[in-house]
Structures are given as C-alpha cells and as structure tokens.
Protein backbone atom coordinates (compact mmCIF):
# COMPACT_ATOMS: atom_id res chain seq x y z
CA ALA A 1 122.68 36.25 36.29
CA ARG A 2 122.04 34.24 38.77
CA LEU A 3 124.68 35.37 41.18
CA ARG A 4 126.87 32.34 41.25
CA LEU A 5 129.37 34.97 41.62
CA LYS A 6 131.80 33.54 43.84
CA GLU A 7 131.99 30.31 41.95
CA ALA A 8 132.64 32.34 39.10
CA ILE A 9 135.52 34.13 40.81
CA LEU A 10 137.01 31.58 42.27
CA LEU A 11 137.10 29.58 38.47
CA GLY A 12 138.08 32.33 36.38
CA LEU A 13 140.81 32.80 38.96
CA GLU A 14 142.53 29.41 38.57
CA VAL A 15 141.50 29.81 34.51
CA LEU A 16 143.90 33.11 35.11
CA ASP A 17 146.87 31.05 37.05
CA ARG A 18 147.07 28.30 34.29
CA LEU A 19 147.73 31.41 31.80
CA GLY A 20 150.53 32.83 33.90
CA GLU A 21 148.66 35.46 35.75
CA SER A 22 148.53 34.48 39.56
CA PHE A 23 146.65 36.61 42.22
CA PRO A 24 146.47 36.42 45.93
CA GLU A 25 143.36 34.48 46.98
CA LYS A 26 142.95 38.11 49.50
CA GLY A 27 145.33 40.86 48.52
CA SER A 28 146.16 43.17 51.44
CA ILE A 29 146.14 46.84 51.17
CA ALA A 30 150.32 46.78 51.05
CA THR A 31 150.00 44.63 48.10
CA LEU A 32 147.74 46.72 46.37
CA MET A 33 149.35 50.15 47.38
CA THR A 34 152.62 48.28 45.79
CA ASN A 35 150.95 47.46 42.94
CA LEU A 36 149.36 51.06 42.24
CA PHE A 37 152.90 52.29 42.21
CA HIS A 38 154.07 50.34 39.66
CA VAL A 39 151.45 51.43 37.60
CA LYS A 40 151.31 55.09 38.46
CA LEU A 41 155.35 54.73 37.43
CA MET A 42 154.80 52.77 34.15
CA LEU A 43 152.18 55.50 33.37
CA SER A 44 153.73 58.73 34.32
CA ARG A 45 156.36 58.50 31.61
CA LYS A 46 153.77 58.08 28.83
CA ASN A 47 150.84 60.78 27.68
CA ASN A 48 147.71 59.69 26.27
CA LYS A 49 148.90 59.91 22.77
CA ASP A 50 152.02 57.62 23.67
CA ILE A 51 149.61 54.70 25.17
CA LEU A 52 147.44 55.29 21.80
CA GLY A 53 150.77 54.45 19.87
CA LEU A 54 151.35 51.32 21.14
CA PRO A 55 150.90 48.24 19.09
CA ASP A 56 148.40 45.81 18.74
CA ILE A 57 148.33 42.62 21.15
CA SER A 58 150.06 39.56 19.32
CA CYS A 59 150.31 37.08 22.55
CA LYS A 60 147.48 34.74 22.09
CA THR A 61 148.08 33.61 25.89
CA LYS A 62 147.86 37.39 27.32
CA LEU A 63 144.91 38.37 25.17
CA SER A 64 143.11 35.02 26.65
CA ALA A 65 143.96 36.57 30.00
CA MET A 66 142.81 39.96 29.28
CA THR A 67 139.56 38.01 28.06
CA ILE A 68 138.95 36.52 31.59
CA LEU A 69 140.02 39.28 33.35
CA ASN A 70 137.41 41.58 31.89
CA VAL A 71 134.72 39.26 33.29
CA LEU A 72 135.82 38.96 36.57
CA ILE A 73 136.30 42.85 36.79
CA THR A 74 132.16 42.55 36.63
CA TYR A 75 131.80 40.24 39.12
CA SER A 76 134.54 41.62 41.17
CA TYR A 77 132.70 44.83 41.68
CA LEU A 78 129.66 42.83 43.21
CA GLY A 79 130.88 40.27 44.87
CA ARG A 80 134.85 40.93 45.64
CA PRO A 81 135.44 44.42 45.61
CA ASP A 82 138.75 43.71 47.80
CA LEU A 83 140.11 42.13 44.08
CA PHE A 84 138.58 44.76 41.55
CA PRO A 85 141.64 47.07 41.91
CA PHE A 86 143.93 44.25 41.26
CA PHE A 87 141.89 42.92 37.91
CA ALA A 88 142.36 46.20 36.72
CA LEU A 89 145.87 46.70 37.72
CA ARG A 90 146.96 43.88 35.71
CA MET A 91 144.76 44.76 32.68
CA VAL A 92 146.72 48.09 32.29
CA LYS A 93 149.94 46.36 33.08
CA LEU A 94 149.17 43.74 30.06
CA SER A 95 147.90 46.13 28.45
CA MET A 96 151.52 48.33 28.45
CA LYS A 97 153.79 45.54 28.62
CA TYR A 98 152.38 42.89 25.39
CA GLY A 99 150.16 45.74 23.32
CA LEU A 100 146.61 46.66 22.85
CA SER A 101 143.40 45.32 22.31
CA ALA A 102 139.79 46.27 22.50
CA ILE A 103 139.50 44.89 25.97
CA SER A 104 142.10 47.33 26.51
CA SER A 105 139.35 50.23 26.57
CA MET A 106 137.62 48.69 29.44
CA GLY A 107 141.09 48.04 31.61
CA PHE A 108 141.97 51.71 31.45
CA CYS A 109 138.16 52.83 32.28
CA CYS A 110 138.50 50.77 35.45
CA TYR A 111 141.57 52.30 36.31
CA GLY A 112 140.21 55.52 36.05
CA LEU A 113 137.62 54.07 38.33
CA LEU A 114 140.11 52.92 40.66
CA LEU A 115 141.84 56.39 40.66
CA SER A 116 138.72 58.21 41.24
CA ALA A 117 137.75 55.70 43.89
CA ILE A 118 140.78 56.69 45.48
CA GLY A 119 140.28 60.85 45.29
CA ASP A 120 142.27 61.36 41.96
CA PHE A 121 139.50 62.81 40.01
CA ASP A 122 141.54 64.29 37.60
CA GLY A 123 143.60 61.02 36.89
CA GLY A 124 140.42 59.23 36.96
CA ASN A 125 138.99 61.18 34.35
CA ARG A 126 141.97 61.22 32.23
CA PHE A 127 142.19 57.34 31.77
CA GLY A 128 138.76 57.33 31.40
CA GLU A 129 137.98 59.77 28.41
CA LEU A 130 141.33 58.00 26.95
CA SER A 131 139.34 54.36 27.14
CA LEU A 132 136.82 56.67 24.99
CA CYS A 133 139.93 56.82 22.73
CA LEU A 134 140.19 53.37 22.62
CA LEU A 135 136.59 52.63 21.03
CA GLU A 136 137.29 54.93 18.44
CA ARG A 137 140.91 52.90 17.31
CA TYR A 138 139.11 49.84 17.68
CA SER A 139 135.68 50.75 15.56
CA SER A 140 135.20 47.59 14.51
CA VAL A 141 133.96 46.10 17.30
CA MET A 142 133.12 49.11 19.26
CA ARG A 143 129.90 48.18 19.62
CA GLU A 144 130.83 45.21 21.56
CA TRP A 145 132.37 46.97 24.08
CA LYS A 146 130.91 50.78 24.01
CA PRO A 147 128.00 49.40 26.46
CA ARG A 148 130.81 48.52 29.17
CA VAL A 149 133.04 51.31 28.60
CA TYR A 150 130.10 53.53 28.82
CA MET A 151 128.61 52.64 31.55
CA VAL A 152 132.00 52.43 33.63
CA TYR A 153 132.87 56.44 32.20
CA TYR A 154 129.68 58.07 32.60
CA GLY A 155 128.24 56.09 35.11
CA MET A 156 131.17 56.14 37.79
CA ILE A 157 133.52 58.55 36.62
CA ALA A 158 132.66 61.61 34.64
CA HIS A 159 130.14 62.86 37.39
CA TRP A 160 133.50 63.88 39.24
CA LYS A 161 134.22 66.31 36.36
CA LEU A 162 130.83 66.97 34.49
CA PRO A 163 127.65 67.68 35.29
CA VAL A 164 125.23 64.50 36.15
CA LYS A 165 122.87 65.06 34.20
CA SER A 166 125.01 65.12 31.13
CA THR A 167 126.06 61.44 31.90
CA LEU A 168 122.36 60.19 31.23
CA GLU A 169 122.04 60.25 27.62
CA PRO A 170 125.59 58.49 26.90
CA ILE A 171 124.15 55.83 29.74
CA LEU A 172 120.95 55.32 28.08
CA GLU A 173 122.99 54.59 25.16
CA ALA A 174 124.78 52.06 26.55
CA ARG A 175 121.78 49.97 27.81
CA GLN A 176 119.95 50.07 24.39
CA ILE A 177 123.42 49.23 22.34
CA GLY A 178 123.64 46.32 25.62
CA MET A 179 119.83 45.16 24.39
CA LEU A 180 120.41 45.36 20.65
CA ILE A 181 124.09 42.73 20.26
CA GLY A 182 122.02 41.01 23.45
CA ASP A 183 124.99 41.72 26.05
CA TYR A 184 121.92 41.85 28.23
CA GLU A 185 124.27 41.48 31.28
CA TYR A 186 125.34 44.88 30.52
CA ALA A 187 122.16 46.43 29.60
CA SER A 188 120.76 45.57 32.95
CA VAL A 189 124.10 46.98 34.56
CA SER A 190 123.41 50.15 32.36
CA SER A 191 119.86 50.44 33.47
CA PHE A 192 120.71 50.28 36.97
CA GLN A 193 123.43 52.67 36.69
CA TYR A 194 121.02 55.04 34.52
CA PHE A 195 118.67 55.26 38.00
CA CYS A 196 121.31 55.50 40.40
CA ASN A 197 122.61 58.41 38.27
CA ALA A 198 119.30 60.06 37.68
CA SER A 199 117.81 59.77 41.28
CA THR A 200 121.17 62.03 42.18
CA ALA A 201 120.43 64.11 39.22
CA GLY A 202 117.09 65.55 40.60
CA VAL A 203 115.10 64.05 38.11
CA PRO A 204 111.23 64.10 38.87
CA LEU A 205 110.03 60.59 40.51
CA LEU A 206 107.00 60.61 38.41
CA THR A 207 109.26 60.74 35.52
CA LEU A 208 111.59 58.02 36.68
CA GLU A 209 108.56 55.64 37.33
CA PRO A 210 107.21 54.83 33.94
CA PRO A 211 111.42 53.48 32.95
CA LEU A 212 111.88 51.96 36.16
CA ARG A 213 109.27 49.64 35.61
CA SER A 214 109.72 48.87 31.96
CA ALA A 215 113.38 48.05 33.09
CA ILE A 216 111.95 45.82 35.68
CA VAL A 217 109.92 43.95 33.45
CA GLU A 218 112.74 43.76 31.27
CA MET A 219 115.71 42.32 33.80
CA ARG A 220 112.76 39.71 35.22
CA ALA A 221 112.47 38.69 31.23
CA ARG A 222 116.47 38.53 31.12
CA LYS A 223 116.63 36.57 34.58
CA GLN A 224 119.05 39.52 35.80
CA GLN A 225 118.31 38.58 39.37
CA ALA A 226 121.10 40.57 40.90
CA TRP A 227 120.75 43.84 38.82
CA LEU A 228 116.61 43.28 39.28
CA GLU A 229 117.22 43.07 43.04
CA LEU A 230 119.44 46.50 43.14
CA ILE A 231 116.85 48.44 40.83
CA SER A 232 113.80 47.10 42.94
CA LEU A 233 115.01 49.09 45.92
CA LEU A 234 115.21 52.29 43.92
CA ARG A 235 111.15 51.49 43.09
CA GLU A 236 110.48 51.08 46.82
CA TYR A 237 111.93 54.23 47.57
CA ILE A 238 109.53 56.23 44.92
CA PHE A 239 106.31 54.02 45.88
CA ILE A 240 107.06 55.14 49.32
CA LEU A 241 107.54 58.76 48.95
CA LYS A 242 104.99 58.50 46.86
CA GLY A 243 102.62 57.19 49.81
CA LYS A 244 101.99 54.17 48.13
CA ALA A 245 103.50 52.03 50.68
CA ASP A 246 100.92 49.79 50.77
CA ASP A 247 101.64 48.75 47.17
CA SER A 248 102.15 44.94 46.54
CA VAL A 249 105.71 46.23 45.11
CA VAL A 250 106.88 46.95 49.03
CA VAL A 251 105.42 44.97 51.03
CA ASP A 252 108.34 42.51 51.75
CA GLY A 253 110.78 45.44 50.50
CA ALA A 254 114.14 45.67 52.07
CA LEU A 255 113.26 49.72 53.54
CA MET A 256 110.88 48.38 55.79
CA ASN A 257 112.28 45.15 56.74
CA GLN A 258 115.17 45.69 58.28
CA ASN A 259 117.37 46.04 55.86
CA GLU A 260 116.85 42.22 54.72
CA PRO A 261 116.60 40.94 51.29
CA SER A 262 113.66 42.33 49.04
CA SER A 263 112.31 38.81 48.08
CA PRO A 264 112.45 35.40 49.62
CA LYS A 265 114.31 34.15 46.82
CA MET A 266 116.91 36.72 46.82
CA ALA A 267 117.55 35.22 50.35
CA GLU A 268 118.12 31.76 49.22
CA ILE A 269 120.11 32.63 46.12
CA LEU A 270 122.25 34.93 48.48
CA SER A 271 122.58 31.39 50.95
CA THR A 272 122.99 29.22 47.81
CA ALA A 273 125.86 31.80 46.86
CA ASN A 274 127.70 31.81 50.15
CA LEU A 275 128.19 35.30 48.93
CA ASN A 276 127.68 38.46 51.52
CA PHE A 277 125.87 40.75 48.46
CA GLN A 278 127.66 43.78 49.93
CA CYS A 279 126.42 46.31 47.68
CA TYR A 280 122.84 45.46 48.04
CA PHE A 281 122.56 45.78 51.33
CA CYS A 282 124.57 49.03 51.39
CA MET A 283 122.34 50.30 48.71
CA ALA A 284 119.21 49.17 51.19
CA SER A 285 120.53 51.04 54.12
CA TYR A 286 121.05 54.58 51.63
CA TYR A 287 117.66 54.07 50.50
CA ARG A 288 116.23 53.34 53.53
CA MET A 289 118.16 56.82 55.01
CA MET A 290 116.75 58.94 52.53
CA THR A 291 113.02 57.62 52.96
CA SER A 292 113.51 57.57 56.87
CA PHE A 293 114.82 61.34 56.77
CA PHE A 294 112.07 62.01 54.58
CA LEU A 295 109.08 60.84 56.63
CA GLY A 296 111.09 62.71 59.66
CA ASP A 297 112.16 58.86 61.30
CA THR A 298 115.80 60.89 62.68
CA ASN A 299 117.12 57.63 64.47
CA VAL A 300 116.31 55.30 61.75
CA ALA A 301 118.08 57.60 59.45
CA LEU A 302 121.09 58.07 61.44
CA GLU A 303 121.13 54.25 61.63
CA MET A 304 120.75 53.54 58.05
CA ALA A 305 123.44 56.69 57.58
CA ARG A 306 125.98 54.51 59.33
CA LYS A 307 124.94 51.59 57.45
CA SER A 308 125.22 53.37 54.01
CA GLU A 309 128.56 54.84 54.81
CA LYS A 310 130.32 52.13 53.47
CA CYS A 311 129.01 53.16 50.24
CA ASP A 312 132.62 54.77 49.60
CA LYS A 313 134.19 51.01 49.80
CA ILE A 314 131.48 48.66 48.51
CA MET A 315 130.83 51.02 45.50
CA PRO A 316 133.78 53.04 44.66
CA SER A 317 133.23 56.05 43.06
CA SER A 318 129.43 55.84 42.66
CA PRO A 319 127.70 58.82 42.50
CA VAL A 320 125.55 57.85 45.71
CA ILE A 321 128.34 58.52 47.42
CA ARG A 322 127.93 62.24 47.38
CA LEU A 323 123.83 61.90 48.39
CA GLN A 324 125.06 59.67 51.00
CA ALA A 325 127.47 62.26 53.02
CA PHE A 326 124.63 64.83 52.40
CA PHE A 327 121.49 62.74 53.59
CA ASP A 328 124.25 61.63 56.60
CA GLY A 329 125.33 64.85 57.26
CA LEU A 330 121.60 66.65 57.41
CA SER A 331 120.42 63.65 59.74
CA ALA A 332 123.03 64.10 62.01
CA PHE A 333 122.84 68.70 62.46
CA ASP A 334 118.49 67.35 62.28
CA ALA A 335 119.02 65.21 65.55
CA VAL A 336 121.04 67.46 67.40
CA ARG A 337 118.52 70.62 66.31
CA ARG A 338 115.74 68.72 67.42
CA SER A 339 117.25 68.00 70.70
CA GLN A 340 118.23 71.43 71.60
CA LEU A 341 114.21 71.57 71.28
CA THR A 342 113.59 68.58 73.53
CA HIS A 343 116.60 68.85 75.39
CA SER A 344 116.84 64.56 74.67
CA LEU A 345 120.57 64.06 73.80
CA GLN A 346 123.18 64.34 76.42
CA LEU A 347 126.50 66.56 75.70
CA ASN A 348 128.74 63.59 74.38
CA ALA A 349 126.07 62.82 72.04
CA ARG A 350 125.59 66.10 70.65
CA LYS A 351 129.52 66.60 70.16
CA ARG A 352 129.69 63.14 68.18
CA LEU A 353 126.73 63.82 65.85
CA ILE A 354 127.82 67.81 65.36
CA SER A 355 131.72 66.09 64.31
CA ARG A 356 130.00 64.04 62.38
CA GLY A 357 128.17 66.66 60.11
CA LYS A 358 131.05 68.38 59.79
CA LYS A 359 132.94 65.45 58.41
CA LYS A 360 130.37 65.23 55.64
CA ILE A 361 131.01 69.08 55.14
CA ARG A 362 134.59 68.50 54.77
CA LYS A 363 133.86 65.61 52.25
CA LEU A 364 131.23 67.81 50.13
CA LYS A 365 133.95 70.65 49.90
CA LYS A 366 136.66 68.62 48.20
CA PHE A 367 133.89 66.88 45.89
CA SER A 368 132.65 70.78 44.82
CA LYS A 369 136.79 71.89 43.94
CA HIS A 370 136.23 69.50 41.18
CA CYS A 371 132.44 69.44 40.01
CA PRO A 372 131.00 72.32 42.14
CA ARG A 373 127.65 71.82 39.83
CA ASN A 374 127.06 68.74 41.38
CA ASN A 375 127.81 69.54 44.89
CA GLU A 376 127.34 73.19 45.99
CA HIS A 377 124.08 73.04 46.43
CA VAL A 378 124.46 70.05 49.19
CA LEU A 379 127.31 71.89 50.45
CA LEU A 380 126.03 75.13 51.36
CA LEU A 381 122.51 73.54 52.75
CA LEU A 382 125.09 71.31 55.24
CA GLU A 383 126.82 74.92 56.16
CA ALA A 384 123.36 76.55 56.78
CA GLU A 385 122.32 73.79 59.19
CA LEU A 386 125.41 73.90 61.18
CA ALA A 387 125.12 77.96 60.92
CA ALA A 388 121.37 77.51 62.38
CA LEU A 389 123.12 75.03 65.08
CA LYS A 390 125.03 77.80 66.13
CA GLY A 391 122.48 80.42 66.34
CA LYS A 392 123.58 82.42 63.52
CA LEU A 393 120.37 83.16 61.88
CA GLU A 394 120.98 85.07 59.35
CA ASP A 395 124.24 83.35 57.97
CA ALA A 396 122.02 80.31 57.71
CA THR A 397 119.15 82.13 55.82
CA SER A 398 121.49 83.28 53.46
CA LYS A 399 123.11 79.73 52.59
CA TYR A 400 119.40 78.46 52.70
CA SER A 401 118.67 80.87 49.88
CA LEU A 402 121.87 79.86 48.11
CA SER A 403 121.53 76.45 47.87
CA GLU A 404 117.85 76.83 46.90
CA GLU A 405 118.86 79.15 43.95
CA ILE A 406 121.40 77.15 42.71
CA SER A 407 119.13 73.83 42.99
CA ARG A 408 116.61 75.69 41.19
CA LYS A 409 119.52 76.65 38.05
CA GLU A 410 121.14 72.91 38.17
CA GLY A 411 117.56 71.61 38.19
CA TYR A 412 117.75 69.74 41.31
CA ILE A 413 114.11 70.25 42.61
CA ASP A 414 114.20 67.51 45.23
CA ILE A 415 117.21 69.79 47.16
CA GLN A 416 115.43 72.72 46.16
CA ALA A 417 112.57 71.21 48.62
CA ILE A 418 115.06 70.38 51.63
CA ALA A 419 116.49 73.94 51.47
CA CYS A 420 112.87 75.56 51.35
CA GLU A 421 112.05 72.82 54.32
CA ARG A 422 114.84 73.17 56.54
CA ALA A 423 114.80 77.64 56.21
CA GLY A 424 111.35 77.42 57.29
CA LEU A 425 111.72 75.34 60.02
CA THR A 426 114.68 76.70 60.59
CA ILE A 427 112.81 80.40 61.04
CA LYS A 428 109.69 78.68 62.88
CA TRP A 429 111.79 77.59 65.60
CA SER A 430 113.72 80.51 66.19
CA GLY A 431 109.86 82.09 66.81
CA LYS A 432 111.06 85.54 64.76
CA ASP A 433 108.91 85.59 61.40
CA GLU A 434 106.08 82.84 61.87
CA GLU A 435 104.56 84.41 58.28
CA ARG A 436 107.80 83.67 56.25
CA SER A 437 108.33 80.33 57.65
CA ARG A 438 104.60 79.82 56.86
CA ILE A 439 105.93 80.90 53.04
CA LEU A 440 108.81 79.00 53.08
CA ILE A 441 107.16 75.54 53.37
CA GLN A 442 104.57 76.04 51.42
CA ARG A 443 106.94 76.57 48.96
CA ALA A 444 108.67 73.59 49.66
CA ILE A 445 105.28 71.61 49.59
CA GLN A 446 104.82 72.91 46.00
CA LEU A 447 108.47 71.64 45.28
CA TYR A 448 108.30 68.29 46.96
CA ARG A 449 104.62 68.07 44.88
CA SER A 450 106.53 68.62 41.31
CA TRP A 451 109.25 66.33 42.44
CA GLY A 452 106.13 63.77 43.19
CA ALA A 453 106.97 63.21 46.51
CA PHE A 454 103.11 63.16 47.85
CA ALA A 455 103.94 61.23 51.67
CA LYS A 456 106.33 64.76 52.07
CA VAL A 457 103.62 66.61 50.90
CA ASN A 458 100.73 65.26 53.54
CA GLN A 459 103.09 65.61 56.04
CA LEU A 460 104.15 68.92 55.93
CA LEU A 461 100.28 70.04 55.26
CA THR A 462 99.65 68.37 58.54
CA LEU A 463 102.20 70.47 60.26
CA LEU A 464 101.41 73.68 59.18
CA GLU A 465 97.58 72.73 60.03
CA ASN A 466 98.39 71.90 63.35
CA GLN A 467 100.26 75.38 63.22
CA SER A 468 97.37 77.35 62.21
CA ARG A 469 95.34 75.39 65.43
CA GLU A 470 97.61 76.45 67.63
CA ASN A 471 97.67 80.31 66.35
CA LEU A 472 93.92 79.93 66.71
CA LEU A 473 94.19 78.28 70.49
CA VAL A 474 96.85 81.46 70.84
C-alpha cells in the first residue's frame, strides 16, 4: 500500500530462491518466449476438463512458492511489468506439475491475461474462464480469491470477447467482497479497474463522479496510496471536462502540469521507493491526451498520444488500450485535416501522421474481429476521418452516421457525441451544407451535455456563435 514495491519484489525473489524457484534478475525476451513455448506445449495436450481433474497440490514447499508468487504477481504488474509474465508462467507450471490449489485460479487467470496481452484473445478468455471454474472447485475459500480472479478476468480479459459494460457488475462484486473480508488492496485494485472499464464503456461522467468520490475517500482511509493516485487522475479528467478545472482537486493535478506526480507526497514516495512508477505516468498521459483533444489542443494531444502509446507494454490487456488507439489516431488525422486549412504542416510531417492514423485503424480492426461491440464504432469513426482526409465526403458522412448509430445502440454516448461533432466539422470545412453542419454540431452539444462534458459544450456553443456572426457579416 505504501508503494515499496521494489523492495517487496526483491525480498519475494530471495524467498522464492530459497524455495527452489529462482528467476533471472532481468528476463530477456528470448527467455520469456522459451518459457511461454514450454507452457503452451504442456497445456496443448490438455483441455479444461483435464486440467480441472488434476489432484490437489501436496508439496508444502511448492504451495509456499505459489503463495509468494501470488503476492509478487500484483506488485510486478505495477512496479516490474517485465517480471509479470515469468511469475504467471511459473504459477501455471507448478500447478500442472505438483497439483492444483485455490492459488492456481489466480495463476491461470494471469496466464490468460498474458495471452490476451500478446493478442491471443481466444486463449486468454479460455484460461480466464478456467480460473472461474477453479474458484468453484475451491468453494470453501472462494470469497478469499474471488476479488482477485474477478478483477483480472472481468477487468482485463473479458472485454476482448464480451461487451465491456457486462464486466462492470462483476468487478463491483469483487470490490464489495474485498471490503467485506478485509482485502483492501484488491478492493482498491477493483475500484480502479471498475472506473477504467466504465470510462471506456461510455458511462456518463455525472454517473461516475459520486462513486469515484467515495472510492477516493475509502482509499485514503485505507492508505492505498498507489491506487488513490491512479484513480485521482480520472477524477481530474472528469473535473476538467465538466469545466471545473479551477477546483481544488486539480490545482496540482498531473494532467495540466506536464505529467508530473499529482501531489508532493507521490513524488516523495516514488523517490523513496526508487521506483519508476510507469503505470501512473502512462495513465496521466492517456487522460491528458483525451482532455487535450476534447479541448482543441491537438499538439498536446499528439505529444501525449506518443507517451501513452506505452500502455500496450506497461498495462498489457487493459481496456484503455482501445481508447488510446482511437484518440491517438483521431489526433493524428485531426492535425493533418486542420493543416489542410492552414497549410501549417510540411509534406513529410503530414505523411507520418497519416501513417500513424492508419496504424491505429489496423489495430482497431484486429480488436473488432474479436469483439465488434466494443470496437466497431471507434473503428468506423477513424475510417470516416481518413475518408474525409482524402476528400471522400459521401463515404465519410456515411461512416460517421454508422458510427453514431452503433454508439447510440451500445450506449457509448461519448463516441456518439464525437461522431456528430466530427461529421458537422467535416461538412462545415467542405463548405457544402452549412445548415446540416449546424444541426450535427447542435446534436453533438446535446450529447456532450448528457455525457457531462460541459467544457466541451461551451466550446461548441462558442463555435456556433462565431459561425452565426460570420454569416451576419456576409
């Protein structure tokens, strides 16, 4: 809870070495791939029924090793993500060789997370579902392990195959059980993951804010500083979009202060721990990218997009990866489209940005094959931007319209608002149908207001007012 993660990981590695389970100080990619190959080979001959039929573990030494690995796997995700896959693979190896325990449910779930992180979403979901079955097998201690397994599976695996909204209730259940049994760390992790998933699912900002305030109070009371700092980034993002950036909660915030820690205490903790808390800085860049895009600062949005692109490696399989790719591509295309109006970008710079946007389209296409309900709406919107960039107005407006329709159907009110806004701006910049452009932007204003982004509402109202003045002058 006090972020002494590096010390905890080093101590855990020493204990594991005494238990006969040694790990390299720094695992290479080659070593990781070798370990992954061996585990995949071991599991290739077994279906889930075979694995569930394995006996219980009887070796106390290996059970102790599993217990230590279970602790380290959480710490490594935050502080040493390079070690996370090695810990997950070892938990699976020990379970297959020496037998199952309740801890195996966490091991197989983290293995599923590892597979999802490298793009094997079907395999990831298979072992995530297996971990749920293992919980049932060890029903007498299910409450102890449910917060952990539910957080990993529903928080970071299931969204690749299931609608992200369907993950929210189980994650809340994980948090509630964690609070009841005194597992405040995983209750806090689950709170953080719930808000991550909810914010990518189009849940209105006004709906998110009250439980977010409560979660911050709980984390502060339980001294869960790591998760408090992470969740405070989301609260700052919400306050800025609501038009309350002058509120005391964001005076020293990370988003508007060059991606620095959001409090002097956090800076001190990071320094004391001698830890590069990459997850924190990546999330700060992610939220600032979106904030900057919404408020019209494309240059900052592009800068933050480059920094937050590390989410793929630092937070593997997180649902924020999808929106990072979307806003990254959107910022790139927006910069090029605005440069067409002002002639402010050189040819090579324009080509690089277009290439970047196309790369994000390819990424979202891959995601959409596995779960179109979570990805198709943002994929269509990026394709619409590219079509508009090429001067294909009819194709662009058709894709904007389809993106808005899917977003409305699935409840992504934020993306629905963006689709209307971008369609309106595209038609405005084409100079072909000013009245239709105004109607679309007015629709976007209504949607942004319903979402709770009042700062964006004011920005678009100013745009319409300026447009009306220009028309009067003409």
